[in-house]
Amino acid sequence: MSGLVVLKLGGRVAADAVRDALARIGGPVVVVHGAGPQITDEMTRRGIEPVFVRGRRVTTPQVLEVVQASFEAVNREVCAAIGPAAQSLRGEEIGLRARRVPALGLVGEPEPCAPAAIRESLEACRVPVVSPLAEGPLNVNADEAAAALAVGLGAGRILFVSDVPGVLVEGALARVLPADEAEAALDAGAFEGGIVPKLVAAVRAARGGVQATIGATEVPA
């Protein structure tokens, strides 16, 4: 599906930005959302200290409960922002595949796949809105889940939309960052925090033949 766009939304992206992004795309789109800020806020409220390893959240059974509840809440918000065309899909129910990473607990590394429920939703001219839990259930990074779906579905583009302007290299916003350079910078530890899984996902998408863009809520036409 070369005309397909996978749109990855951060947990804090506003409803207006979601609608604007979809209007700019103007074609078939699969939405994958995160819920990182909501998960961290709820863990803090419950007195659970968040632990991350290269952008991935260490997930115990207790943390997984928070992740599931947060994904459900954000999924409802995103679907409400999109309107009647939206179709809520839970990754763990539709066959989102992942290889477990035991060192991180109930965490998986997503594998390229094309769940039938997503393809059927697109064929019905709906907008599938996917919560990125994998079968198990396993907690998977939403950026990596979006990239795996983009490759599996044969999407033409993947857009990572968040509240950050993009990738900063030596203090300047990078307009173009070749996959080889991004991978080398990641290996050298040049990046840290939430941008790491986005870059990892973007590189994987590019290696799988999908054009990747990382940026704020303004989506290129």
N, C-alpha and C. Protein backbone atom coordinates (compact mmCIF):
# COMPACT_ATOMS: atom_id res chain seq x y z
N MET A 1 0.85 -1.20 0.00
CA MET A 1 0.00 0.00 0.00
C MET A 1 0.88 1.24 0.00
N SER A 2 1.45 1.57 -1.16
CA SER A 2 2.45 2.63 -1.23
C SER A 2 1.89 4.01 -0.88
N GLY A 3 0.57 4.20 -1.03
CA GLY A 3 -0.03 5.49 -0.69
C GLY A 3 -0.40 5.62 0.76
N LEU A 4 -0.21 4.56 1.53
CA LEU A 4 -0.59 4.56 2.94
C LEU A 4 0.41 5.36 3.78
N VAL A 5 -0.12 6.10 4.74
CA VAL A 5 0.71 6.82 5.69
C VAL A 5 0.42 6.30 7.09
N VAL A 6 1.47 6.02 7.84
CA VAL A 6 1.33 5.68 9.26
C VAL A 6 1.65 6.94 10.04
N LEU A 7 0.73 7.35 10.88
CA LEU A 7 0.87 8.57 11.68
C LEU A 7 1.05 8.18 13.14
N LYS A 8 2.24 8.44 13.67
CA LYS A 8 2.50 8.15 15.08
C LYS A 8 2.32 9.44 15.88
N LEU A 9 1.40 9.38 16.85
CA LEU A 9 1.09 10.54 17.67
C LEU A 9 1.64 10.35 19.08
N GLY A 10 2.27 11.40 19.61
CA GLY A 10 2.69 11.38 21.00
C GLY A 10 1.48 11.52 21.90
N GLY A 11 1.63 11.12 23.15
CA GLY A 11 0.50 11.15 24.08
C GLY A 11 -0.03 12.52 24.39
N ARG A 12 0.76 13.57 24.15
CA ARG A 12 0.34 14.94 24.47
C ARG A 12 -0.12 15.74 23.25
N VAL A 13 -0.22 15.11 22.09
CA VAL A 13 -0.63 15.84 20.89
C VAL A 13 -2.10 16.24 21.02
N ALA A 14 -2.41 17.52 20.77
CA ALA A 14 -3.75 18.04 20.95
C ALA A 14 -4.70 17.57 19.85
N ALA A 15 -6.00 17.61 20.16
CA ALA A 15 -7.02 17.16 19.22
C ALA A 15 -6.97 17.94 17.91
N ASP A 16 -6.78 19.25 17.99
CA ASP A 16 -6.72 20.06 16.76
C ASP A 16 -5.56 19.63 15.88
N ALA A 17 -4.43 19.28 16.50
CA ALA A 17 -3.27 18.85 15.74
C ALA A 17 -3.53 17.51 15.05
N VAL A 18 -4.27 16.64 15.72
CA VAL A 18 -4.62 15.35 15.12
C VAL A 18 -5.45 15.57 13.86
N ARG A 19 -6.48 16.39 13.98
CA ARG A 19 -7.36 16.65 12.83
C ARG A 19 -6.59 17.35 11.71
N ASP A 20 -5.73 18.28 12.06
CA ASP A 20 -4.95 18.99 11.04
C ASP A 20 -4.01 18.03 10.31
N ALA A 21 -3.39 17.13 11.07
CA ALA A 21 -2.47 16.17 10.45
C ALA A 21 -3.20 15.28 9.46
N LEU A 22 -4.38 14.80 9.85
CA LEU A 22 -5.15 13.93 8.96
C LEU A 22 -5.60 14.69 7.71
N ALA A 23 -5.99 15.95 7.87
CA ALA A 23 -6.43 16.75 6.73
C ALA A 23 -5.29 16.96 5.75
N ARG A 24 -4.07 17.15 6.26
CA ARG A 24 -2.93 17.36 5.39
C ARG A 24 -2.53 16.09 4.64
N ILE A 25 -2.72 14.95 5.29
CA ILE A 25 -2.37 13.69 4.64
C ILE A 25 -3.34 13.40 3.50
N GLY A 26 -4.64 13.49 3.79
CA GLY A 26 -5.64 13.39 2.74
C GLY A 26 -5.73 12.06 2.03
N GLY A 27 -5.30 10.98 2.63
CA GLY A 27 -5.37 9.66 2.02
C GLY A 27 -5.48 8.60 3.10
N PRO A 28 -5.31 7.34 2.75
CA PRO A 28 -5.42 6.28 3.76
C PRO A 28 -4.34 6.44 4.83
N VAL A 29 -4.73 6.28 6.08
CA VAL A 29 -3.80 6.50 7.18
C VAL A 29 -4.10 5.54 8.33
N VAL A 30 -3.06 5.07 8.94
CA VAL A 30 -3.15 4.28 10.18
C VAL A 30 -2.55 5.13 11.29
N VAL A 31 -3.29 5.32 12.36
CA VAL A 31 -2.82 6.11 13.49
C VAL A 31 -2.34 5.16 14.59
N VAL A 32 -1.15 5.42 15.08
CA VAL A 32 -0.62 4.71 16.25
C VAL A 32 -0.29 5.77 17.28
N HIS A 33 -0.80 5.61 18.49
CA HIS A 33 -0.59 6.64 19.50
C HIS A 33 0.23 6.11 20.66
N GLY A 34 0.91 7.02 21.33
CA GLY A 34 1.60 6.69 22.56
C GLY A 34 0.77 7.14 23.75
N ALA A 35 1.34 7.02 24.94
CA ALA A 35 0.68 7.51 26.16
C ALA A 35 1.74 7.72 27.23
N GLY A 36 2.99 7.99 26.78
CA GLY A 36 4.10 8.08 27.73
C GLY A 36 3.87 9.03 28.89
N PRO A 37 3.48 10.29 28.64
CA PRO A 37 3.28 11.21 29.75
C PRO A 37 2.17 10.76 30.71
N GLN A 38 1.09 10.23 30.14
CA GLN A 38 -0.01 9.77 30.99
C GLN A 38 0.41 8.59 31.86
N ILE A 39 1.21 7.68 31.27
CA ILE A 39 1.68 6.53 32.03
C ILE A 39 2.57 6.98 33.18
N THR A 40 3.50 7.87 32.88
CA THR A 40 4.42 8.36 33.91
C THR A 40 3.67 9.09 35.01
N ASP A 41 2.70 9.93 34.62
CA ASP A 41 1.91 10.66 35.62
C ASP A 41 1.17 9.71 36.55
N GLU A 42 0.56 8.67 35.97
CA GLU A 42 -0.21 7.73 36.78
C GLU A 42 0.72 6.89 37.66
N MET A 43 1.89 6.52 37.14
CA MET A 43 2.84 5.78 37.95
C MET A 43 3.30 6.62 39.13
N THR A 44 3.55 7.89 38.90
CA THR A 44 3.95 8.79 39.98
C THR A 44 2.85 8.89 41.02
N ARG A 45 1.60 9.00 40.55
CA ARG A 45 0.47 9.09 41.48
C ARG A 45 0.38 7.84 42.36
N ARG A 46 0.75 6.69 41.78
CA ARG A 46 0.68 5.43 42.53
C ARG A 46 1.96 5.13 43.30
N GLY A 47 2.94 6.02 43.19
CA GLY A 47 4.19 5.82 43.92
C GLY A 47 5.12 4.82 43.28
N ILE A 48 4.99 4.63 41.94
CA ILE A 48 5.85 3.70 41.21
C ILE A 48 6.89 4.53 40.46
N GLU A 49 8.15 4.25 40.67
CA GLU A 49 9.21 5.02 40.02
C GLU A 49 9.45 4.51 38.60
N PRO A 50 9.31 5.37 37.59
CA PRO A 50 9.56 4.94 36.21
C PRO A 50 11.05 4.65 35.99
N VAL A 51 11.33 3.58 35.26
CA VAL A 51 12.71 3.22 34.90
C VAL A 51 12.75 3.01 33.40
N PHE A 52 13.71 3.67 32.73
CA PHE A 52 13.85 3.55 31.28
C PHE A 52 15.23 3.03 30.92
N VAL A 53 15.29 2.24 29.86
CA VAL A 53 16.56 1.78 29.30
C VAL A 53 16.52 2.09 27.81
N ARG A 54 17.32 3.06 27.37
CA ARG A 54 17.34 3.51 25.97
C ARG A 54 15.94 3.80 25.44
N GLY A 55 15.17 4.54 26.25
CA GLY A 55 13.86 4.97 25.81
C GLY A 55 12.75 3.95 26.02
N ARG A 56 13.08 2.76 26.48
CA ARG A 56 12.06 1.74 26.72
C ARG A 56 11.76 1.66 28.21
N ARG A 57 10.47 1.57 28.53
CA ARG A 57 10.04 1.55 29.92
C ARG A 57 10.11 0.13 30.48
N VAL A 58 10.88 -0.05 31.55
CA VAL A 58 10.90 -1.34 32.24
C VAL A 58 9.49 -1.59 32.77
N THR A 59 8.94 -2.77 32.45
CA THR A 59 7.52 -3.01 32.71
C THR A 59 7.30 -4.25 33.57
N THR A 60 6.83 -4.02 34.78
CA THR A 60 6.41 -5.09 35.67
C THR A 60 4.91 -5.31 35.47
N PRO A 61 4.33 -6.38 36.06
CA PRO A 61 2.88 -6.56 35.94
C PRO A 61 2.10 -5.35 36.47
N GLN A 62 2.60 -4.72 37.52
CA GLN A 62 1.95 -3.53 38.08
C GLN A 62 2.00 -2.37 37.09
N VAL A 63 3.15 -2.20 36.45
CA VAL A 63 3.29 -1.13 35.46
C VAL A 63 2.41 -1.43 34.24
N LEU A 64 2.31 -2.69 33.86
CA LEU A 64 1.51 -3.06 32.70
C LEU A 64 0.05 -2.66 32.89
N GLU A 65 -0.46 -2.77 34.10
CA GLU A 65 -1.83 -2.34 34.38
C GLU A 65 -2.01 -0.86 34.09
N VAL A 66 -1.02 -0.06 34.48
CA VAL A 66 -1.07 1.38 34.22
C VAL A 66 -1.00 1.65 32.72
N VAL A 67 -0.12 0.91 32.04
CA VAL A 67 0.04 1.09 30.59
C VAL A 67 -1.28 0.79 29.88
N GLN A 68 -1.92 -0.31 30.22
CA GLN A 68 -3.17 -0.68 29.56
C GLN A 68 -4.24 0.38 29.77
N ALA A 69 -4.40 0.84 31.01
CA ALA A 69 -5.42 1.85 31.31
C ALA A 69 -5.13 3.16 30.59
N SER A 70 -3.87 3.55 30.54
CA SER A 70 -3.49 4.80 29.89
C SER A 70 -3.72 4.74 28.38
N PHE A 71 -3.37 3.60 27.78
CA PHE A 71 -3.59 3.45 26.34
C PHE A 71 -5.08 3.53 26.02
N GLU A 72 -5.91 2.92 26.84
CA GLU A 72 -7.35 2.95 26.58
C GLU A 72 -7.88 4.37 26.64
N ALA A 73 -7.40 5.14 27.62
CA ALA A 73 -7.86 6.53 27.76
C ALA A 73 -7.43 7.38 26.57
N VAL A 74 -6.16 7.25 26.17
CA VAL A 74 -5.66 8.04 25.04
C VAL A 74 -6.33 7.61 23.75
N ASN A 75 -6.57 6.32 23.58
CA ASN A 75 -7.22 5.84 22.37
C ASN A 75 -8.60 6.45 22.23
N ARG A 76 -9.34 6.53 23.34
CA ARG A 76 -10.66 7.16 23.29
C ARG A 76 -10.56 8.62 22.87
N GLU A 77 -9.57 9.33 23.41
CA GLU A 77 -9.40 10.75 23.10
C GLU A 77 -9.06 10.94 21.62
N VAL A 78 -8.17 10.10 21.10
CA VAL A 78 -7.78 10.23 19.70
C VAL A 78 -8.96 9.92 18.79
N CYS A 79 -9.70 8.87 19.10
CA CYS A 79 -10.86 8.51 18.29
C CYS A 79 -11.90 9.63 18.31
N ALA A 80 -12.10 10.24 19.48
CA ALA A 80 -13.06 11.34 19.58
C ALA A 80 -12.60 12.52 18.74
N ALA A 81 -11.29 12.77 18.70
CA ALA A 81 -10.76 13.89 17.92
C ALA A 81 -10.94 13.65 16.42
N ILE A 82 -10.80 12.40 16.00
CA ILE A 82 -10.92 12.07 14.58
C ILE A 82 -12.37 12.07 14.12
N GLY A 83 -13.26 11.53 14.98
CA GLY A 83 -14.67 11.49 14.63
C GLY A 83 -15.14 10.12 14.20
N PRO A 84 -16.30 10.06 13.54
CA PRO A 84 -16.94 8.77 13.22
C PRO A 84 -16.10 7.82 12.38
N ALA A 85 -15.15 8.34 11.62
CA ALA A 85 -14.33 7.46 10.77
C ALA A 85 -13.35 6.62 11.57
N ALA A 86 -13.07 7.03 12.80
CA ALA A 86 -12.07 6.33 13.61
C ALA A 86 -12.55 4.95 14.03
N GLN A 87 -11.62 4.01 14.05
CA GLN A 87 -11.91 2.66 14.55
C GLN A 87 -10.85 2.28 15.56
N SER A 88 -11.26 2.09 16.80
CA SER A 88 -10.33 1.74 17.87
C SER A 88 -9.89 0.28 17.74
N LEU A 89 -8.57 0.07 17.76
CA LEU A 89 -8.02 -1.28 17.67
C LEU A 89 -6.95 -1.44 18.75
N ARG A 90 -7.00 -2.56 19.46
CA ARG A 90 -6.01 -2.85 20.50
C ARG A 90 -4.99 -3.83 19.93
N GLY A 91 -3.73 -3.41 19.98
CA GLY A 91 -2.67 -4.19 19.36
C GLY A 91 -2.62 -5.64 19.83
N GLU A 92 -2.82 -5.86 21.13
CA GLU A 92 -2.72 -7.21 21.66
C GLU A 92 -3.85 -8.11 21.18
N GLU A 93 -4.95 -7.50 20.70
CA GLU A 93 -6.11 -8.27 20.23
C GLU A 93 -6.07 -8.52 18.72
N ILE A 94 -5.37 -7.66 17.98
CA ILE A 94 -5.40 -7.78 16.51
C ILE A 94 -4.17 -8.48 15.95
N GLY A 95 -3.23 -8.87 16.83
CA GLY A 95 -2.07 -9.62 16.35
C GLY A 95 -0.82 -8.81 16.13
N LEU A 96 -0.66 -7.72 16.89
CA LEU A 96 0.60 -6.98 16.84
C LEU A 96 1.67 -7.87 17.46
N ARG A 97 2.69 -8.21 16.69
CA ARG A 97 3.69 -9.17 17.13
C ARG A 97 4.92 -8.48 17.70
N ALA A 98 5.53 -9.15 18.68
CA ALA A 98 6.75 -8.61 19.28
C ALA A 98 7.56 -9.75 19.89
N ARG A 99 8.87 -9.55 19.89
CA ARG A 99 9.78 -10.50 20.53
C ARG A 99 10.08 -9.98 21.93
N ARG A 100 9.84 -10.83 22.92
CA ARG A 100 10.01 -10.37 24.30
C ARG A 100 11.47 -10.05 24.61
N VAL A 101 11.66 -8.99 25.40
CA VAL A 101 12.98 -8.57 25.87
C VAL A 101 13.00 -8.81 27.39
N PRO A 102 13.38 -10.01 27.84
CA PRO A 102 13.25 -10.38 29.25
C PRO A 102 13.91 -9.41 30.22
N ALA A 103 15.01 -8.80 29.82
CA ALA A 103 15.73 -7.89 30.73
C ALA A 103 14.90 -6.69 31.11
N LEU A 104 13.86 -6.39 30.32
CA LEU A 104 13.02 -5.22 30.60
C LEU A 104 11.66 -5.60 31.17
N GLY A 105 11.49 -6.87 31.47
CA GLY A 105 10.22 -7.31 32.04
C GLY A 105 9.23 -7.68 30.96
N LEU A 106 8.00 -7.18 31.06
CA LEU A 106 6.95 -7.48 30.09
C LEU A 106 7.02 -6.49 28.93
N VAL A 107 8.14 -6.52 28.25
CA VAL A 107 8.42 -5.60 27.15
C VAL A 107 8.76 -6.41 25.91
N GLY A 108 8.31 -5.92 24.76
CA GLY A 108 8.61 -6.60 23.51
C GLY A 108 9.20 -5.65 22.49
N GLU A 109 9.95 -6.23 21.56
CA GLU A 109 10.47 -5.47 20.42
C GLU A 109 9.59 -5.81 19.23
N PRO A 110 8.84 -4.82 18.71
CA PRO A 110 7.86 -5.10 17.66
C PRO A 110 8.49 -5.67 16.40
N GLU A 111 7.74 -6.55 15.74
CA GLU A 111 8.17 -7.15 14.49
C GLU A 111 7.22 -6.71 13.37
N PRO A 112 7.72 -6.50 12.16
CA PRO A 112 6.84 -6.10 11.06
C PRO A 112 5.67 -7.05 10.89
N CYS A 113 4.48 -6.50 10.76
CA CYS A 113 3.30 -7.32 10.58
C CYS A 113 2.21 -6.47 9.92
N ALA A 114 1.20 -7.14 9.40
CA ALA A 114 0.07 -6.47 8.74
C ALA A 114 -1.21 -7.10 9.24
N PRO A 115 -1.64 -6.77 10.46
CA PRO A 115 -2.84 -7.38 11.03
C PRO A 115 -4.06 -7.24 10.13
N ALA A 116 -4.83 -8.32 10.02
CA ALA A 116 -6.01 -8.32 9.16
C ALA A 116 -7.00 -7.24 9.56
N ALA A 117 -7.12 -6.99 10.86
CA ALA A 117 -8.09 -5.98 11.33
C ALA A 117 -7.75 -4.60 10.80
N ILE A 118 -6.48 -4.29 10.67
CA ILE A 118 -6.08 -2.98 10.12
C ILE A 118 -6.39 -2.92 8.64
N ARG A 119 -6.07 -3.98 7.91
CA ARG A 119 -6.32 -3.98 6.47
C ARG A 119 -7.82 -3.89 6.18
N GLU A 120 -8.62 -4.59 6.97
CA GLU A 120 -10.07 -4.54 6.79
C GLU A 120 -10.62 -3.15 7.11
N SER A 121 -10.06 -2.51 8.11
CA SER A 121 -10.49 -1.16 8.47
C SER A 121 -10.19 -0.19 7.34
N LEU A 122 -9.00 -0.30 6.76
CA LEU A 122 -8.63 0.58 5.65
C LEU A 122 -9.51 0.33 4.43
N GLU A 123 -9.80 -0.93 4.16
CA GLU A 123 -10.65 -1.27 3.02
C GLU A 123 -12.05 -0.70 3.18
N ALA A 124 -12.49 -0.53 4.43
CA ALA A 124 -13.81 0.05 4.72
C ALA A 124 -13.75 1.57 4.81
N CYS A 125 -12.59 2.15 4.41
CA CYS A 125 -12.38 3.61 4.44
C CYS A 125 -12.48 4.18 5.85
N ARG A 126 -12.06 3.41 6.82
CA ARG A 126 -12.00 3.87 8.20
C ARG A 126 -10.57 4.33 8.52
N VAL A 127 -10.40 4.90 9.70
CA VAL A 127 -9.08 5.29 10.19
C VAL A 127 -8.76 4.44 11.41
N PRO A 128 -8.00 3.36 11.24
CA PRO A 128 -7.65 2.53 12.40
C PRO A 128 -6.77 3.31 13.36
N VAL A 129 -7.14 3.27 14.64
CA VAL A 129 -6.39 3.94 15.70
C VAL A 129 -5.88 2.85 16.64
N VAL A 130 -4.58 2.60 16.59
CA VAL A 130 -4.00 1.41 17.22
C VAL A 130 -3.32 1.75 18.55
N SER A 131 -3.71 1.03 19.60
CA SER A 131 -3.00 1.08 20.87
C SER A 131 -1.85 0.08 20.80
N PRO A 132 -0.60 0.52 21.03
CA PRO A 132 0.55 -0.34 20.78
C PRO A 132 0.96 -1.27 21.92
N LEU A 133 0.02 -2.13 22.33
CA LEU A 133 0.41 -3.28 23.15
C LEU A 133 0.49 -4.47 22.21
N ALA A 134 1.49 -5.31 22.40
CA ALA A 134 1.63 -6.49 21.55
C ALA A 134 1.04 -7.71 22.22
N GLU A 135 0.93 -8.78 21.45
CA GLU A 135 0.42 -10.03 22.00
C GLU A 135 1.25 -10.43 23.21
N GLY A 136 0.59 -10.96 24.21
CA GLY A 136 1.28 -11.38 25.43
C GLY A 136 0.44 -11.20 26.69
N PRO A 137 0.05 -9.95 27.05
CA PRO A 137 0.43 -8.72 26.36
C PRO A 137 1.85 -8.27 26.76
N LEU A 138 2.46 -7.57 25.83
CA LEU A 138 3.78 -7.00 26.05
C LEU A 138 3.74 -5.51 25.76
N ASN A 139 4.40 -4.73 26.60
CA ASN A 139 4.52 -3.31 26.37
C ASN A 139 5.57 -3.07 25.29
N VAL A 140 5.21 -2.36 24.24
CA VAL A 140 6.18 -2.05 23.19
C VAL A 140 6.24 -0.54 23.02
N ASN A 141 7.40 -0.05 22.66
CA ASN A 141 7.52 1.37 22.40
C ASN A 141 6.64 1.75 21.22
N ALA A 142 5.85 2.80 21.38
CA ALA A 142 4.88 3.17 20.35
C ALA A 142 5.55 3.58 19.05
N ASP A 143 6.70 4.25 19.13
CA ASP A 143 7.42 4.64 17.91
C ASP A 143 7.85 3.40 17.14
N GLU A 144 8.39 2.42 17.86
CA GLU A 144 8.85 1.20 17.21
C GLU A 144 7.68 0.39 16.68
N ALA A 145 6.55 0.40 17.40
CA ALA A 145 5.37 -0.31 16.92
C ALA A 145 4.86 0.31 15.63
N ALA A 146 4.86 1.64 15.57
CA ALA A 146 4.41 2.33 14.35
C ALA A 146 5.31 1.98 13.17
N ALA A 147 6.61 1.95 13.40
CA ALA A 147 7.55 1.61 12.33
C ALA A 147 7.35 0.18 11.85
N ALA A 148 7.15 -0.74 12.80
CA ALA A 148 6.93 -2.15 12.43
C ALA A 148 5.67 -2.31 11.59
N LEU A 149 4.61 -1.59 11.96
CA LEU A 149 3.38 -1.66 11.18
C LEU A 149 3.57 -1.02 9.80
N ALA A 150 4.31 0.10 9.76
CA ALA A 150 4.55 0.76 8.48
C ALA A 150 5.26 -0.17 7.50
N VAL A 151 6.28 -0.88 8.00
CA VAL A 151 7.02 -1.81 7.15
C VAL A 151 6.14 -3.00 6.77
N GLY A 152 5.43 -3.56 7.74
CA GLY A 152 4.59 -4.71 7.48
C GLY A 152 3.46 -4.43 6.50
N LEU A 153 2.89 -3.23 6.60
CA LEU A 153 1.78 -2.85 5.74
C LEU A 153 2.24 -2.31 4.39
N GLY A 154 3.55 -2.10 4.24
CA GLY A 154 4.07 -1.56 3.00
C GLY A 154 3.70 -0.10 2.79
N ALA A 155 3.68 0.68 3.89
CA ALA A 155 3.31 2.09 3.81
C ALA A 155 4.35 2.88 3.02
N GLY A 156 3.92 3.99 2.44
CA GLY A 156 4.86 4.85 1.73
C GLY A 156 5.60 5.78 2.67
N ARG A 157 4.91 6.22 3.74
CA ARG A 157 5.52 7.17 4.67
C ARG A 157 5.12 6.84 6.10
N ILE A 158 5.96 7.25 7.03
CA ILE A 158 5.62 7.25 8.44
C ILE A 158 5.98 8.62 8.99
N LEU A 159 5.04 9.22 9.71
CA LEU A 159 5.24 10.54 10.29
C LEU A 159 5.16 10.44 11.81
N PHE A 160 6.23 10.85 12.47
CA PHE A 160 6.26 10.86 13.94
C PHE A 160 5.92 12.29 14.38
N VAL A 161 4.70 12.49 14.85
CA VAL A 161 4.25 13.82 15.25
C VAL A 161 4.23 13.92 16.77
N SER A 162 4.91 14.94 17.30
CA SER A 162 4.98 15.10 18.74
C SER A 162 5.06 16.58 19.08
N ASP A 163 5.36 16.88 20.36
CA ASP A 163 5.47 18.27 20.78
C ASP A 163 6.92 18.76 20.77
N VAL A 164 7.79 18.04 20.07
CA VAL A 164 9.18 18.50 19.89
C VAL A 164 9.38 18.86 18.42
N PRO A 165 10.27 19.81 18.10
CA PRO A 165 10.40 20.29 16.73
C PRO A 165 11.01 19.30 15.75
N GLY A 166 11.77 18.33 16.24
CA GLY A 166 12.44 17.38 15.36
C GLY A 166 13.74 16.93 15.97
N VAL A 167 14.68 16.52 15.12
CA VAL A 167 15.96 16.01 15.59
C VAL A 167 16.99 17.14 15.57
N LEU A 168 17.61 17.37 16.73
CA LEU A 168 18.64 18.39 16.83
C LEU A 168 20.02 17.75 16.72
N VAL A 169 20.83 18.26 15.80
CA VAL A 169 22.21 17.80 15.63
C VAL A 169 23.12 18.99 15.87
N GLU A 170 23.93 18.91 16.93
CA GLU A 170 24.81 20.01 17.32
C GLU A 170 24.04 21.31 17.49
N GLY A 171 22.86 21.19 18.09
CA GLY A 171 22.05 22.36 18.40
C GLY A 171 21.20 22.88 17.28
N ALA A 172 21.30 22.32 16.08
CA ALA A 172 20.53 22.79 14.93
C ALA A 172 19.55 21.71 14.49
N LEU A 173 18.38 22.14 14.02
CA LEU A 173 17.37 21.21 13.55
C LEU A 173 17.81 20.57 12.24
N ALA A 174 17.88 19.26 12.23
CA ALA A 174 18.30 18.54 11.02
C ALA A 174 17.14 18.43 10.05
N ARG A 175 17.31 18.96 8.85
CA ARG A 175 16.26 18.86 7.83
C ARG A 175 16.25 17.47 7.20
N VAL A 176 17.46 16.91 6.98
CA VAL A 176 17.59 15.56 6.43
C VAL A 176 18.68 14.85 7.21
N LEU A 177 18.41 13.62 7.61
CA LEU A 177 19.40 12.84 8.35
C LEU A 177 19.41 11.43 7.77
N PRO A 178 20.41 11.10 6.94
CA PRO A 178 20.47 9.76 6.34
C PRO A 178 20.48 8.67 7.41
N ALA A 179 19.91 7.53 7.07
CA ALA A 179 19.80 6.43 8.02
C ALA A 179 21.16 6.02 8.57
N ASP A 180 22.18 5.96 7.71
CA ASP A 180 23.51 5.56 8.16
C ASP A 180 24.05 6.52 9.21
N GLU A 181 23.86 7.83 8.98
CA GLU A 181 24.35 8.82 9.93
C GLU A 181 23.58 8.74 11.24
N ALA A 182 22.27 8.56 11.15
CA ALA A 182 21.46 8.45 12.36
C ALA A 182 21.87 7.24 13.18
N GLU A 183 22.09 6.12 12.50
CA GLU A 183 22.48 4.89 13.19
C GLU A 183 23.84 5.04 13.86
N ALA A 184 24.77 5.68 13.16
CA ALA A 184 26.11 5.88 13.72
C ALA A 184 26.04 6.78 14.95
N ALA A 185 25.21 7.82 14.88
CA ALA A 185 25.08 8.74 16.01
C ALA A 185 24.44 8.04 17.21
N LEU A 186 23.47 7.18 16.94
CA LEU A 186 22.85 6.42 18.02
C LEU A 186 23.85 5.49 18.68
N ASP A 187 24.65 4.80 17.86
CA ASP A 187 25.67 3.89 18.39
C ASP A 187 26.71 4.63 19.23
N ALA A 188 26.98 5.89 18.85
CA ALA A 188 27.97 6.68 19.57
C ALA A 188 27.40 7.35 20.81
N GLY A 189 26.09 7.17 21.06
CA GLY A 189 25.46 7.77 22.23
C GLY A 189 25.25 9.26 22.10
N ALA A 190 25.09 9.75 20.87
CA ALA A 190 24.95 11.19 20.64
C ALA A 190 23.57 11.71 21.03
N PHE A 191 22.61 10.81 21.20
CA PHE A 191 21.25 11.23 21.56
C PHE A 191 20.84 10.53 22.86
N GLU A 192 19.89 11.17 23.55
CA GLU A 192 19.37 10.56 24.77
C GLU A 192 17.91 10.94 24.94
N GLY A 193 17.21 10.21 25.82
CA GLY A 193 15.82 10.52 26.09
C GLY A 193 14.87 10.00 25.03
N GLY A 194 13.72 10.68 24.90
CA GLY A 194 12.65 10.22 24.04
C GLY A 194 12.95 10.22 22.57
N ILE A 195 13.97 10.99 22.13
CA ILE A 195 14.29 11.01 20.71
C ILE A 195 14.95 9.71 20.26
N VAL A 196 15.54 8.97 21.21
CA VAL A 196 16.25 7.73 20.85
C VAL A 196 15.31 6.71 20.20
N PRO A 197 14.19 6.33 20.84
CA PRO A 197 13.33 5.34 20.17
C PRO A 197 12.73 5.86 18.87
N LYS A 198 12.51 7.18 18.77
CA LYS A 198 12.01 7.73 17.50
C LYS A 198 13.03 7.54 16.39
N LEU A 199 14.30 7.83 16.68
CA LEU A 199 15.33 7.65 15.68
C LEU A 199 15.53 6.18 15.33
N VAL A 200 15.52 5.33 16.35
CA VAL A 200 15.64 3.89 16.11
C VAL A 200 14.52 3.43 15.18
N ALA A 201 13.30 3.87 15.50
CA ALA A 201 12.14 3.49 14.69
C ALA A 201 12.24 4.05 13.27
N ALA A 202 12.68 5.30 13.16
CA ALA A 202 12.80 5.92 11.84
C ALA A 202 13.82 5.19 10.98
N VAL A 203 14.93 4.80 11.60
CA VAL A 203 15.96 4.07 10.86
C VAL A 203 15.40 2.72 10.38
N ARG A 204 14.69 2.02 11.26
CA ARG A 204 14.12 0.73 10.88
C ARG A 204 13.11 0.89 9.75
N ALA A 205 12.31 1.94 9.83
CA ALA A 205 11.33 2.19 8.78
C ALA A 205 12.04 2.45 7.45
N ALA A 206 13.07 3.30 7.50
CA ALA A 206 13.82 3.63 6.28
C ALA A 206 14.47 2.39 5.68
N ARG A 207 15.03 1.54 6.56
CA ARG A 207 15.65 0.30 6.07
C ARG A 207 14.60 -0.61 5.42
N GLY A 208 13.34 -0.46 5.87
CA GLY A 208 12.27 -1.28 5.30
C GLY A 208 11.58 -0.63 4.12
N GLY A 209 12.14 0.47 3.62
CA GLY A 209 11.61 1.10 2.43
C GLY A 209 10.53 2.13 2.67
N VAL A 210 10.40 2.61 3.92
CA VAL A 210 9.37 3.58 4.26
C VAL A 210 10.03 4.93 4.56
N GLN A 211 9.59 5.98 3.89
CA GLN A 211 10.11 7.32 4.15
C GLN A 211 9.67 7.78 5.55
N ALA A 212 10.61 8.25 6.35
CA ALA A 212 10.31 8.62 7.74
C ALA A 212 10.55 10.11 7.97
N THR A 213 9.61 10.73 8.69
CA THR A 213 9.72 12.15 9.06
C THR A 213 9.47 12.28 10.55
N ILE A 214 10.35 12.99 11.26
CA ILE A 214 10.17 13.27 12.68
C ILE A 214 9.99 14.77 12.83
N GLY A 215 8.91 15.18 13.51
CA GLY A 215 8.71 16.60 13.66
C GLY A 215 7.61 16.93 14.63
N ALA A 216 7.27 18.20 14.72
CA ALA A 216 6.23 18.67 15.60
C ALA A 216 4.88 18.45 14.93
N THR A 217 3.87 19.19 15.38
CA THR A 217 2.51 18.92 14.91
C THR A 217 2.27 19.39 13.49
N GLU A 218 3.19 20.13 12.90
CA GLU A 218 3.01 20.52 11.49
C GLU A 218 3.47 19.39 10.60
N VAL A 219 2.57 18.88 9.80
CA VAL A 219 2.85 17.71 8.96
C VAL A 219 3.08 18.16 7.52
N PRO A 220 4.17 17.71 6.89
CA PRO A 220 4.40 18.10 5.51
C PRO A 220 3.31 17.57 4.58
N ALA A 221 2.94 18.36 3.61
CA ALA A 221 1.89 17.94 2.68
C ALA A 221 2.42 16.92 1.69
